[in-house]
Amino acid sequence: MNWMGLLRVVVLGLAVTLSACTVAQANPPATSARAVPDLGSSAQAPWDATEPSAAIEQAMLDSMKARGAPTENAKIVVQKIADGYARAAVYYDVVRQPTVWDLGFAYFEDGAWKVWAFGSGIAQEHVEAAGIPRSVWPDGWLSIPPEGDNCPETTVDTQLLKNKRHGYCLLYPVGYKVEKHSEVETDLVVGSLLNAEDPRVNIRVEDAGGRTAEELAEQVTVDFEAFPVERSSIVLGNVEAIVLDQLPGQDINRRVLFEHDGLLYQLTFLPADENAGDAYRRMETLYDKIVASFAFIPRSDEWFPGEDCLGAKADTQLLFAEMYNFCMLYPIGYDVGEPAENEIVFFVGSLQDGTYPRLFIEVQDAAGRTAEQVATEMQADVQRSIPGYTVERSIGLRLGYEPAEMLEHMPGQEISRQVIVVHGGRLYKLTFLPAEAQADEVYTQMETLYTTVIDSFRFLR
């Protein structure tokens, strides 16, 4: 059996580009699906048949063939049928392209199932405008984003942070990592929360409880009256905010204070000391980017699987591994395979090609253990096998907002770096190869792969 034959992960992208043809994303259709040009149909199995799935699957395949899309390794899975409509997913057993069509909608008319559209570029507003009922929408699609959800568009060098619970969104530079380590705090850091060398920002949002930003600013000024605190104001998200600069702390910092919709916001930027040189200049860039892009959105406690996934850039692509409950970005040019159950691999050319880095992700039952316990067990195993061998262990790492452990210089056929995290009762072990500085260019490429994956890794639920 082909070792990639078990692969059941869906790689998403906004553009759907396949080797056989290029299919443009659907334009917003008319108000009824019946007015949309037919992309294919099948006269098999009428609506009142006991099993319409076969007819829907055939309609999807016929439509794909008519559009020139590859069908050799395609598998159609009908997910919902209701109200004369159906939703299906299109999977590929062998992932050869950076994107695959993962969503399709069909409707029953004139005794046949007909395909309205399919592709990973289908937008929710297109589906609603076509009159397709909510009964077959994907889970998490409740309605078109309400007016006022005016988040800025990302650019080639920015990503979007959206916090619906706290009612805001903003752009931040590529290279930063989002950390959510408490109910009220979100951090943007480089690498980890322990990194005090690079610029960072802490965003704290809590119930105002009757307090105002002015009262908080006055209290802060009193607390640091012995220091030359500078005060100014800016407009952020159409709200006037107070800026307190040169505040003392672990680093000299700048704090932005404002209230909105019953919440009190505090954004703390570090370092705000000109003596910090390049770090200060980069902090100013981070500050300008966040202030210029900050927008308020309707607050909601609803969270949909996958909505935290980052968008792919020109040099990355998105892996949406629903079976394993995570998504992540990885560099363009890598192949994805599943050589064994509960294992995904990323490689260039072949797994035997040591001239490129590789990544193995294993997912298994955590058996009640924490990431810390598993890392300790792995260190002990190495000591039993190779007495005196040193495995370096790092602290402070987080993966998908969960505390993680990193073991450096793990022995094996090649020296590796392993990251361990536990989420939802599952143990995730990420193994990066090679992890030897002597590997020169390959090691440098491994560091790029590592940073891309760690910064973008998110759990879907």
Protein backbone atom coordinates (compact mmCIF):
# COMPACT_ATOMS: atom_id res chain seq x y z
CA MET A 1 0.00 0.00 0.00
CA ASN A 2 1.30 3.45 -0.84
CA TRP A 3 2.65 4.88 2.43
CA MET A 4 0.81 8.12 1.76
CA GLY A 5 -2.46 6.35 1.16
CA LEU A 6 -3.75 6.97 4.66
CA LEU A 7 -3.44 10.72 4.48
CA ARG A 8 -6.67 12.40 5.47
CA VAL A 9 -5.66 15.97 6.19
CA VAL A 10 -7.01 18.91 4.28
CA VAL A 11 -4.63 21.60 3.15
CA LEU A 12 -6.52 24.85 2.73
CA GLY A 13 -5.89 28.03 0.77
CA LEU A 14 -7.87 30.90 -0.63
CA ALA A 15 -6.81 30.13 -4.17
CA VAL A 16 -7.36 26.65 -5.60
CA THR A 17 -4.54 25.88 -8.00
CA LEU A 18 -4.24 22.37 -9.37
CA SER A 19 -1.89 21.01 -11.99
CA ALA A 20 -4.67 20.22 -14.44
CA CYS A 21 -6.30 23.64 -14.37
CA THR A 22 -6.85 26.82 -12.42
CA VAL A 23 -10.30 27.45 -11.01
CA ALA A 24 -11.15 30.99 -9.96
CA GLN A 25 -12.94 31.55 -6.67
CA ALA A 26 -16.65 31.90 -7.20
CA ASN A 27 -18.01 35.41 -7.48
CA PRO A 28 -20.96 36.25 -5.24
CA PRO A 29 -23.90 34.59 -7.02
CA ALA A 30 -27.45 35.80 -7.48
CA THR A 31 -30.04 35.48 -4.73
CA SER A 32 -30.97 31.91 -5.63
CA ALA A 33 -28.87 28.84 -6.23
CA ARG A 34 -31.15 28.06 -9.18
CA ALA A 35 -29.82 31.17 -10.92
CA VAL A 36 -26.22 30.04 -10.58
CA PRO A 37 -24.69 28.43 -13.71
CA ASP A 38 -24.83 24.65 -13.40
CA LEU A 39 -21.39 23.11 -12.88
CA GLY A 40 -22.48 19.53 -13.36
CA SER A 41 -25.27 17.11 -12.62
CA SER A 42 -26.24 13.47 -12.23
CA ALA A 43 -29.63 11.92 -13.02
CA GLN A 44 -28.99 8.96 -10.74
CA ALA A 45 -31.10 8.32 -7.62
CA PRO A 46 -33.93 10.85 -7.27
CA TRP A 47 -34.42 12.88 -4.10
CA ASP A 48 -36.95 10.45 -2.66
CA ALA A 49 -34.56 7.54 -3.00
CA THR A 50 -33.45 5.90 0.22
CA GLU A 51 -29.78 6.70 -0.39
CA PRO A 52 -29.10 9.89 -2.35
CA SER A 53 -25.44 10.05 -1.28
CA ALA A 54 -24.26 8.03 -4.28
CA ALA A 55 -25.96 10.46 -6.68
CA ILE A 56 -24.44 13.46 -4.90
CA GLU A 57 -20.99 11.89 -4.99
CA GLN A 58 -21.35 11.14 -8.69
CA ALA A 59 -22.54 14.68 -9.38
CA MET A 60 -19.48 16.06 -7.63
CA LEU A 61 -17.14 13.79 -9.58
CA ASP A 62 -18.86 14.62 -12.89
CA SER A 63 -18.55 18.32 -12.14
CA MET A 64 -14.88 18.00 -11.22
CA LYS A 65 -14.16 16.12 -14.45
CA ALA A 66 -16.04 18.74 -16.45
CA ARG A 67 -13.83 21.44 -14.91
CA GLY A 68 -10.65 19.48 -15.56
CA ALA A 69 -9.91 18.80 -11.92
CA PRO A 70 -8.02 15.61 -11.00
CA THR A 71 -10.29 12.87 -9.67
CA GLU A 72 -8.00 9.85 -9.57
CA ASN A 73 -7.29 10.16 -5.85
CA ALA A 74 -10.41 12.10 -4.90
CA LYS A 75 -12.85 10.87 -2.29
CA ILE A 76 -16.28 12.50 -1.91
CA VAL A 77 -17.82 12.39 1.56
CA VAL A 78 -21.43 13.59 1.82
CA GLN A 79 -21.71 15.34 5.18
CA LYS A 80 -25.25 16.75 5.32
CA ILE A 81 -28.45 16.43 3.28
CA ALA A 82 -31.47 18.62 4.10
CA ASP A 83 -34.15 20.73 2.42
CA GLY A 84 -33.18 19.64 -1.08
CA TYR A 85 -29.55 20.65 -0.56
CA ALA A 86 -26.38 18.78 0.35
CA ARG A 87 -22.89 19.53 1.55
CA ALA A 88 -19.94 17.31 0.68
CA ALA A 89 -16.21 17.33 1.36
CA VAL A 90 -13.60 16.47 -1.27
CA TYR A 91 -10.49 14.73 0.06
CA TYR A 92 -7.39 13.54 -1.78
CA ASP A 93 -5.63 10.35 -0.74
CA VAL A 94 -2.32 11.70 -2.00
CA VAL A 95 -1.58 15.38 -1.46
CA ARG A 96 0.36 16.58 -4.49
CA GLN A 97 -0.74 20.18 -4.60
CA PRO A 98 -0.50 22.97 -2.01
CA THR A 99 -4.31 23.14 -1.92
CA VAL A 100 -7.26 20.80 -2.46
CA TRP A 101 -10.98 21.37 -2.85
CA ASP A 102 -12.49 20.61 0.50
CA LEU A 103 -16.08 21.84 0.30
CA GLY A 104 -18.96 21.37 -2.12
CA PHE A 105 -22.66 22.23 -2.24
CA ALA A 106 -25.32 20.50 -4.36
CA TYR A 107 -29.05 20.97 -4.84
CA PHE A 108 -31.82 18.73 -6.19
CA GLU A 109 -33.75 19.96 -9.22
CA ASP A 110 -35.67 18.35 -12.11
CA GLY A 111 -35.06 14.87 -10.74
CA ALA A 112 -31.28 15.24 -10.51
CA TRP A 113 -28.59 16.40 -8.11
CA LYS A 114 -26.70 19.40 -9.45
CA VAL A 115 -23.52 20.97 -8.14
CA TRP A 116 -23.65 24.64 -7.24
CA ALA A 117 -19.94 25.09 -6.45
CA PHE A 118 -17.03 23.51 -4.70
CA GLY A 119 -13.56 24.57 -3.59
CA SER A 120 -11.71 25.82 -0.52
CA GLY A 121 -12.31 29.38 -1.68
CA ILE A 122 -16.08 29.26 -1.13
CA ALA A 123 -17.00 32.15 1.14
CA GLN A 124 -19.80 32.04 3.66
CA GLU A 125 -21.48 35.14 2.24
CA HIS A 126 -21.56 33.52 -1.23
CA VAL A 127 -23.37 30.49 0.17
CA GLU A 128 -25.93 32.60 2.02
CA ALA A 129 -26.51 34.83 -1.01
CA ALA A 130 -27.17 31.71 -3.09
CA GLY A 131 -30.05 30.77 -0.83
CA ILE A 132 -28.46 27.58 0.47
CA PRO A 133 -30.15 26.87 3.82
CA ARG A 134 -28.28 26.88 7.10
CA SER A 135 -29.25 23.24 7.62
CA VAL A 136 -26.32 22.22 5.39
CA TRP A 137 -23.84 24.93 6.28
CA PRO A 138 -20.57 23.77 7.85
CA ASP A 139 -20.47 23.73 11.62
CA GLY A 140 -19.53 27.17 12.85
CA TRP A 141 -21.16 29.07 10.00
CA LEU A 142 -23.99 30.83 11.80
CA SER A 143 -24.39 34.04 9.84
CA ILE A 144 -22.51 36.58 7.80
CA PRO A 145 -20.18 38.57 10.06
CA PRO A 146 -22.27 41.46 11.38
CA GLU A 147 -21.78 45.00 10.23
CA GLY A 148 -19.08 46.64 12.23
CA ASP A 149 -16.78 43.63 11.98
CA ASN A 150 -14.45 45.89 10.07
CA CYS A 151 -11.16 44.16 10.73
CA PRO A 152 -8.33 45.30 8.45
CA GLU A 153 -7.07 43.13 5.62
CA THR A 154 -3.76 41.40 6.23
CA THR A 155 -0.73 42.28 4.11
CA VAL A 156 2.28 40.26 3.01
CA ASP A 157 4.05 41.12 6.26
CA THR A 158 1.18 41.10 8.77
CA GLN A 159 -1.23 38.67 10.42
CA LEU A 160 -4.64 39.31 11.97
CA LEU A 161 -5.36 38.92 15.66
CA LYS A 162 -9.09 38.78 16.39
CA ASN A 163 -10.34 38.58 19.95
CA LYS A 164 -14.13 38.32 19.87
CA ARG A 165 -14.41 37.86 23.61
CA HIS A 166 -12.80 41.24 24.18
CA GLY A 167 -14.26 42.87 21.09
CA TYR A 168 -11.22 43.90 19.07
CA CYS A 169 -8.97 42.97 16.17
CA LEU A 170 -5.63 44.28 14.95
CA LEU A 171 -2.71 43.56 12.64
CA TYR A 172 0.69 42.52 13.93
CA PRO A 173 3.98 41.87 12.07
CA VAL A 174 4.84 38.41 10.75
CA GLY A 175 7.44 36.94 13.07
CA TYR A 176 5.46 37.60 16.23
CA LYS A 177 3.69 34.89 18.18
CA VAL A 178 0.30 35.25 19.87
CA GLU A 179 0.11 33.99 23.43
CA LYS A 180 -3.05 33.76 25.54
CA HIS A 181 -2.01 32.75 29.01
CA SER A 182 -5.00 34.04 30.99
CA GLU A 183 -8.66 34.99 30.50
CA VAL A 184 -7.84 38.69 30.38
CA GLU A 185 -4.40 38.87 28.75
CA THR A 186 -3.02 38.39 25.26
CA ASP A 187 0.65 38.89 24.41
CA LEU A 188 2.48 39.42 21.15
CA VAL A 189 6.05 38.19 21.53
CA VAL A 190 8.97 36.93 19.49
CA GLY A 191 9.67 33.29 20.34
CA SER A 192 8.30 33.00 23.86
CA LEU A 193 6.96 34.95 26.81
CA LEU A 194 10.42 34.73 28.39
CA ASN A 195 12.05 36.67 25.57
CA ALA A 196 12.88 40.10 27.01
CA GLU A 197 15.31 41.03 24.24
CA ASP A 198 12.78 41.72 21.48
CA PRO A 199 9.85 44.18 21.49
CA ARG A 200 6.56 42.88 22.85
CA VAL A 201 3.11 44.05 23.83
CA ASN A 202 0.74 42.88 26.54
CA ILE A 203 -2.99 43.48 25.94
CA ARG A 204 -5.06 43.36 29.10
CA VAL A 205 -8.84 43.65 28.86
CA GLU A 206 -11.16 43.36 31.87
CA ASP A 207 -14.52 44.54 33.06
CA ALA A 208 -14.29 48.24 33.80
CA GLY A 209 -16.37 47.87 36.93
CA GLY A 210 -17.24 51.55 36.79
CA ARG A 211 -13.63 52.63 36.39
CA THR A 212 -12.54 54.94 33.59
CA ALA A 213 -9.27 55.15 31.71
CA GLU A 214 -8.79 58.64 33.19
CA GLU A 215 -9.07 57.30 36.73
CA LEU A 216 -6.61 54.50 35.96
CA ALA A 217 -4.17 56.96 34.37
CA GLU A 218 -4.34 59.21 37.42
CA GLN A 219 -3.65 56.26 39.72
CA VAL A 220 -0.67 55.14 37.64
CA THR A 221 0.71 58.69 37.62
CA VAL A 222 0.41 58.88 41.42
CA ASP A 223 2.06 55.48 41.84
CA PHE A 224 5.06 56.65 39.80
CA GLU A 225 5.12 60.32 40.78
CA ALA A 226 8.86 60.14 41.40
CA PHE A 227 9.44 59.30 37.73
CA PRO A 228 9.19 61.59 34.67
CA VAL A 229 6.09 59.93 33.21
CA GLU A 230 5.02 61.53 29.92
CA ARG A 231 1.33 61.81 29.07
CA SER A 232 -0.29 62.28 25.66
CA SER A 233 -3.34 61.00 23.76
CA ILE A 234 -4.11 59.16 20.54
CA VAL A 235 -7.21 57.95 18.71
CA LEU A 236 -7.39 54.18 18.58
CA GLY A 237 -10.38 52.36 17.11
CA ASN A 238 -12.24 55.69 16.94
CA VAL A 239 -11.84 56.05 20.70
CA GLU A 240 -9.58 58.57 22.38
CA ALA A 241 -6.93 56.81 24.43
CA ILE A 242 -4.49 58.01 27.05
CA VAL A 243 -0.80 57.28 26.48
CA LEU A 244 1.55 57.12 29.46
CA ASP A 245 5.19 56.87 28.39
CA GLN A 246 8.46 56.20 30.23
CA LEU A 247 6.79 54.09 32.92
CA PRO A 248 9.25 52.15 35.08
CA GLY A 249 9.16 48.37 35.41
CA GLN A 250 11.18 45.37 34.32
CA ASP A 251 11.68 47.50 31.20
CA ILE A 252 10.74 51.11 30.61
CA ASN A 253 7.32 50.80 29.00
CA ARG A 254 4.52 52.69 27.26
CA ARG A 255 0.94 52.11 28.30
CA VAL A 256 -2.19 52.91 26.27
CA LEU A 257 -5.43 53.14 28.29
CA PHE A 258 -9.05 53.42 27.13
CA GLU A 259 -12.49 52.03 27.82
CA HIS A 260 -15.15 50.79 25.43
CA ASP A 261 -18.42 48.90 25.80
CA GLY A 262 -17.94 48.34 29.53
CA LEU A 263 -14.39 47.04 29.19
CA LEU A 264 -11.13 48.67 30.27
CA TYR A 265 -8.20 48.16 27.90
CA GLN A 266 -4.51 48.43 28.76
CA LEU A 267 -1.88 47.93 26.05
CA THR A 268 1.68 47.85 27.40
CA PHE A 269 4.56 48.15 24.91
CA LEU A 270 8.16 47.29 25.80
CA PRO A 271 10.90 48.47 25.66
CA ALA A 272 10.04 52.20 25.55
CA ASP A 273 13.59 53.28 26.25
CA GLU A 274 15.54 54.95 23.46
CA ASN A 275 18.72 53.53 25.00
CA ALA A 276 17.51 50.08 23.92
CA GLY A 277 18.57 50.99 20.38
CA ASP A 278 17.23 48.65 17.68
CA ALA A 279 14.76 47.00 20.07
CA TYR A 280 13.24 50.42 20.79
CA ARG A 281 12.96 51.24 17.09
CA ARG A 282 11.24 47.92 16.42
CA MET A 283 8.90 48.55 19.34
CA GLU A 284 7.88 51.81 17.69
CA THR A 285 7.14 49.90 14.48
CA LEU A 286 5.02 47.40 16.42
CA TYR A 287 3.25 50.25 18.23
CA ASP A 288 2.48 52.13 15.00
CA LYS A 289 1.15 48.97 13.32
CA ILE A 290 -1.19 48.10 16.19
CA VAL A 291 -2.45 51.63 16.77
CA ALA A 292 -3.17 52.16 13.06
CA SER A 293 -4.98 48.83 12.59
CA PHE A 294 -6.87 48.48 15.89
CA ALA A 295 -10.64 48.11 15.39
CA PHE A 296 -13.57 47.22 17.61
CA ILE A 297 -15.80 44.28 16.68
CA PRO A 298 -19.01 42.92 18.22
CA ARG A 299 -18.24 40.96 21.37
CA SER A 300 -19.09 37.27 21.48
CA ASP A 301 -18.19 34.23 23.58
CA GLU A 302 -18.84 31.91 20.62
CA TRP A 303 -15.72 30.29 19.23
CA PHE A 304 -15.74 28.21 16.08
CA PRO A 305 -13.25 25.40 15.38
CA GLY A 306 -10.36 26.69 13.31
CA GLU A 307 -11.15 30.39 13.47
CA ASP A 308 -7.78 31.01 15.15
CA CYS A 309 -5.85 29.50 12.23
CA LEU A 310 -3.47 31.94 10.55
CA GLY A 311 -3.65 32.84 6.88
CA ALA A 312 -1.00 31.50 4.51
CA LYS A 313 1.52 33.91 3.01
CA ALA A 314 3.51 33.80 -0.23
CA ASP A 315 6.10 31.51 1.36
CA THR A 316 3.80 29.38 3.53
CA GLN A 317 0.76 27.15 3.25
CA LEU A 318 -1.87 26.08 5.75
CA LEU A 319 -2.38 22.56 7.06
CA PHE A 320 -5.87 22.05 8.50
CA ALA A 321 -5.65 18.64 10.20
CA GLU A 322 -9.18 18.19 11.50
CA MET A 323 -8.60 14.54 12.37
CA TYR A 324 -5.81 15.54 14.72
CA ASN A 325 -7.47 18.76 15.95
CA PHE A 326 -4.85 21.30 14.88
CA CYS A 327 -3.84 23.69 12.13
CA MET A 328 -0.48 25.26 11.33
CA LEU A 329 1.56 26.96 8.64
CA TYR A 330 4.56 25.34 7.01
CA PRO A 331 6.95 26.54 4.28
CA ILE A 332 6.08 26.24 0.60
CA GLY A 333 7.92 23.38 -1.07
CA TYR A 334 7.30 20.73 1.57
CA ASP A 335 5.34 17.56 0.91
CA VAL A 336 2.96 16.13 3.50
CA GLY A 337 2.49 12.44 4.17
CA GLU A 338 1.18 9.97 6.74
CA PRO A 339 3.54 6.98 6.87
CA ALA A 340 1.83 5.49 9.93
CA GLU A 341 -1.39 5.88 11.85
CA ASN A 342 -1.44 9.07 13.95
CA GLU A 343 1.74 10.42 12.35
CA ILE A 344 2.14 13.25 9.84
CA VAL A 345 5.47 14.04 8.18
CA PHE A 346 6.76 17.09 6.31
CA PHE A 347 9.65 16.66 3.91
CA VAL A 348 11.14 17.78 0.61
CA GLY A 349 11.58 15.18 -2.15
CA SER A 350 11.67 12.10 0.04
CA LEU A 351 12.03 11.17 3.69
CA GLN A 352 15.47 9.80 2.91
CA ASP A 353 16.71 13.15 1.59
CA GLY A 354 18.85 14.53 4.40
CA THR A 355 19.69 17.71 2.50
CA TYR A 356 16.42 19.24 3.73
CA PRO A 357 14.86 19.46 7.18
CA ARG A 358 12.01 17.15 8.17
CA LEU A 359 9.24 17.33 10.72
CA PHE A 360 7.35 14.41 12.28
CA ILE A 361 4.15 15.05 14.26
CA GLU A 362 2.91 12.12 16.35
CA VAL A 363 -0.50 12.23 18.03
CA GLN A 364 -1.50 9.69 20.68
CA ASP A 365 -3.43 9.26 23.89
CA ALA A 366 -1.75 11.20 26.71
CA ALA A 367 -2.87 8.53 29.22
CA GLY A 368 -3.43 11.19 31.84
CA ARG A 369 0.13 12.54 31.65
CA THR A 370 1.17 16.18 31.32
CA ALA A 371 3.75 17.45 28.84
CA GLU A 372 6.16 17.92 31.74
CA GLN A 373 5.75 14.31 32.86
CA VAL A 374 6.25 12.97 29.34
CA ALA A 375 9.40 15.07 28.86
CA THR A 376 10.79 13.78 32.14
CA GLU A 377 10.10 10.19 31.08
CA MET A 378 11.85 10.78 27.75
CA GLN A 379 14.90 12.24 29.46
CA ALA A 380 15.04 9.23 31.79
CA ASP A 381 14.81 6.84 28.82
CA VAL A 382 17.80 8.53 27.20
CA GLN A 383 19.82 8.29 30.42
CA ARG A 384 19.09 4.58 30.70
CA SER A 385 20.10 3.98 27.09
CA ILE A 386 23.10 6.33 26.97
CA PRO A 387 24.42 6.99 30.49
CA GLY A 388 25.94 10.44 30.81
CA TYR A 389 24.33 11.80 27.63
CA THR A 390 22.94 15.31 28.09
CA VAL A 391 19.55 16.31 26.74
CA GLU A 392 18.90 20.02 27.09
CA ARG A 393 15.45 21.00 28.29
CA SER A 394 13.92 24.44 27.77
CA ILE A 395 11.24 26.13 29.81
CA GLY A 396 8.70 28.81 28.96
CA LEU A 397 7.66 27.40 25.58
CA ARG A 398 3.96 27.30 24.69
CA LEU A 399 2.31 25.62 21.72
CA GLY A 400 -1.26 26.39 20.70
CA TYR A 401 -1.59 28.43 23.93
CA GLU A 402 -0.71 25.33 25.98
CA PRO A 403 2.44 24.89 28.10
CA ALA A 404 4.95 22.80 26.15
CA GLU A 405 8.30 21.15 26.77
CA MET A 406 11.26 21.24 24.39
CA LEU A 407 14.04 18.64 24.44
CA GLU A 408 17.17 19.58 22.49
CA HIS A 409 19.82 17.16 21.14
CA MET A 410 17.65 14.07 21.38
CA PRO A 411 19.65 11.07 20.11
CA GLY A 412 18.61 8.81 17.25
CA GLN A 413 19.57 8.22 13.63
CA GLU A 414 19.86 12.01 13.61
CA ILE A 415 20.02 14.48 16.48
CA SER A 416 16.59 16.03 16.86
CA ARG A 417 14.66 18.74 18.64
CA GLN A 418 11.40 17.53 20.15
CA VAL A 419 8.45 19.60 21.37
CA ILE A 420 5.82 17.95 23.58
CA VAL A 421 2.37 19.34 24.34
CA VAL A 422 -0.86 17.87 25.73
CA HIS A 423 -4.31 19.10 24.71
CA GLY A 424 -7.74 17.54 25.05
CA GLY A 425 -6.30 14.29 26.41
CA ARG A 426 -3.99 13.89 23.42
CA LEU A 427 -0.20 13.95 23.42
CA TYR A 428 1.45 15.78 20.51
CA LYS A 429 5.13 15.23 19.84
CA LEU A 430 6.81 17.35 17.16
CA THR A 431 10.25 16.13 16.06
CA PHE A 432 12.43 18.48 14.01
CA LEU A 433 15.46 17.14 12.09
CA PRO A 434 18.35 17.80 11.94
CA ALA A 435 19.01 19.70 15.19
CA GLU A 436 22.78 19.97 14.88
CA ALA A 437 24.39 23.33 14.19
CA GLN A 438 27.11 21.45 12.29
CA ALA A 439 24.52 20.76 9.60
CA ASP A 440 25.02 24.40 8.52
CA GLU A 441 22.45 25.41 5.87
CA VAL A 442 20.11 22.50 6.61
CA TYR A 443 20.14 23.45 10.29
CA THR A 444 19.31 27.06 9.36
CA GLN A 445 16.39 25.82 7.25
CA MET A 446 15.25 23.64 10.16
CA GLU A 447 15.15 26.72 12.39
CA THR A 448 12.95 28.46 9.82
CA LEU A 449 10.63 25.44 9.69
CA TYR A 450 10.56 25.32 13.49
CA THR A 451 9.71 29.00 13.91
CA THR A 452 7.00 28.89 11.23
CA VAL A 453 5.31 25.88 12.82
CA ILE A 454 5.62 26.92 16.48
CA ASP A 455 4.37 30.47 15.87
CA SER A 456 1.33 29.34 13.88
CA PHE A 457 0.29 26.10 15.60
CA ARG A 458 -3.32 26.26 16.85
CA PHE A 459 -5.73 23.70 18.24
CA LEU A 460 -9.11 23.65 16.48
CA ARG A 461 -11.13 22.95 19.62
